[in-house]
Amino acid sequence: MIDKIRFYRMYLQDYLLLGTKILDILGNEDEVALQLGVPVAKIREALNKLREGLKILKANLRTEELARLDNRRDDAWMCFYHLVLSQVRCMDDEVREHAHKLEVLIRMPEKAYS
């Protein structure tokens, strides 16, 4: 028994795989004798659109991931920055001295964090 394809459950990658498999099967047949020219052309066109859509989707996912990683880096930097500022006010002289050296490095003009 052949199961029906549930297209509503498919993802973009599944459509691409299905179309590629169909083209492989139809490529083994004689297009002219079976009059498959138009359907094969439509499938190729649809696959090209799907490939372009996947490129855009992957680019968007990379952009979102970079933005998320950038936010994490900013959060880590601010955490470190506030830790150094808190240690500048520490009661221990040695800790305060080292924290002050770090603060000077952090506040260098080319870093401009405040």
Protein backbone atom coordinates (compact mmCIF):
# COMPACT_ATOMS: atom_id res chain seq x y z
CA MET A 1 0.00 0.00 0.00
CA ILE A 2 1.32 3.44 -0.90
CA ASP A 3 1.12 6.03 1.86
CA LYS A 4 -0.15 9.46 0.94
CA ILE A 5 2.38 12.27 1.19
CA ARG A 6 1.33 14.71 3.85
CA PHE A 7 2.66 17.91 2.32
CA TYR A 8 1.51 20.04 5.25
CA ARG A 9 3.98 18.18 7.49
CA MET A 10 6.96 18.70 5.21
CA TYR A 11 9.74 21.19 5.74
CA LEU A 12 11.53 23.16 3.03
CA GLN A 13 14.38 20.66 2.99
CA ASP A 14 11.88 17.79 2.52
CA TYR A 15 10.36 19.47 -0.54
CA LEU A 16 13.84 19.92 -1.98
CA LEU A 17 14.67 16.25 -1.42
CA LEU A 18 11.34 15.11 -2.92
CA GLY A 19 11.80 17.27 -6.01
CA THR A 20 15.36 16.09 -6.50
CA LYS A 21 14.31 12.43 -6.26
CA ILE A 22 11.47 13.02 -8.74
CA LEU A 23 13.88 14.65 -11.20
CA ASP A 24 16.28 11.72 -10.81
CA ILE A 25 13.48 9.25 -11.61
CA LEU A 26 12.17 11.30 -14.53
CA GLY A 27 15.71 11.75 -15.84
CA ASN A 28 15.88 8.03 -16.54
CA GLU A 29 12.82 8.23 -18.81
CA ASP A 30 12.51 9.56 -22.35
CA GLU A 31 11.09 13.08 -21.91
CA VAL A 32 10.02 13.50 -25.53
CA ALA A 33 8.25 10.15 -25.87
CA LEU A 34 6.39 10.53 -22.58
CA GLN A 35 5.80 14.29 -23.08
CA LEU A 36 7.48 15.16 -19.79
CA GLY A 37 9.14 18.36 -21.00
CA VAL A 38 6.72 20.80 -19.36
CA PRO A 39 6.36 18.99 -16.01
CA VAL A 40 10.12 18.53 -15.70
CA ALA A 41 10.69 22.21 -16.51
CA LYS A 42 8.17 23.20 -13.81
CA ILE A 43 9.86 20.93 -11.27
CA ARG A 44 13.30 22.36 -12.12
CA GLU A 45 11.96 25.90 -11.76
CA ALA A 46 10.37 25.08 -8.41
CA LEU A 47 13.60 23.45 -7.17
CA ASN A 48 15.59 26.53 -8.14
CA LYS A 49 13.18 28.69 -6.14
CA LEU A 50 13.48 26.32 -3.18
CA ARG A 51 17.29 26.42 -3.33
CA GLU A 52 17.25 30.23 -3.38
CA GLY A 53 14.81 30.20 -0.46
CA LEU A 54 17.10 27.90 1.51
CA LYS A 55 20.04 30.24 0.88
CA ILE A 56 18.06 33.18 2.24
CA LEU A 57 16.81 31.12 5.19
CA LYS A 58 20.33 29.96 6.07
CA ALA A 59 21.61 33.53 5.79
CA ASN A 60 18.85 34.73 8.13
CA LEU A 61 19.64 31.98 10.64
CA ARG A 62 23.33 32.90 10.57
CA THR A 63 22.47 36.56 11.09
CA GLU A 64 20.24 35.70 14.06
CA GLU A 65 22.95 33.49 15.55
CA LEU A 66 25.57 36.22 15.15
CA ALA A 67 23.27 38.75 16.79
CA ARG A 68 22.65 36.35 19.69
CA LEU A 69 26.37 35.70 20.11
CA ASP A 70 27.08 39.42 19.89
CA ASN A 71 24.59 40.08 22.70
CA ARG A 72 26.20 37.38 24.82
CA ARG A 73 29.63 38.93 24.23
CA ASP A 74 28.30 42.37 25.20
CA ASP A 75 26.74 40.94 28.35
CA ALA A 76 29.99 39.19 29.28
CA TRP A 77 31.95 42.40 28.68
CA MET A 78 29.61 44.47 30.85
CA CYS A 79 29.77 41.82 33.58
CA PHE A 80 33.58 41.94 33.52
CA TYR A 81 33.57 45.75 33.41
CA HIS A 82 31.32 46.06 36.46
CA LEU A 83 33.38 43.42 38.29
CA VAL A 84 36.51 45.51 37.74
CA LEU A 85 34.71 48.67 38.89
CA SER A 86 33.56 46.92 42.04
CA GLN A 87 37.07 45.64 42.75
CA VAL A 88 38.48 49.18 42.41
CA ARG A 89 36.50 49.98 45.57
CA CYS A 90 37.65 46.83 47.37
CA MET A 91 39.09 47.11 50.89
CA ASP A 92 42.07 44.87 50.06
CA ASP A 93 44.94 47.06 48.82
CA GLU A 94 46.43 44.44 46.51
CA VAL A 95 43.11 43.66 44.82
CA ARG A 96 42.35 47.37 44.50
CA GLU A 97 45.77 48.03 42.92
CA HIS A 98 45.36 45.27 40.30
CA ALA A 99 41.78 46.31 39.59
CA HIS A 100 42.92 49.91 39.09
CA LYS A 101 45.48 48.72 36.49
CA LEU A 102 42.71 46.85 34.67
CA GLU A 103 40.46 49.89 34.84
CA VAL A 104 43.16 52.03 33.23
CA LEU A 105 43.46 49.50 30.39
CA ILE A 106 39.69 49.34 29.97
CA ARG A 107 39.33 53.11 29.83
CA MET A 108 41.99 53.61 27.14
CA PRO A 109 40.78 56.08 24.46
CA GLU A 110 40.57 53.49 21.67
CA LYS A 111 38.37 51.28 23.84
CA ALA A 112 35.99 54.09 24.92
CA TYR A 113 33.77 52.04 27.24
CA SER A 114 31.90 53.84 29.95
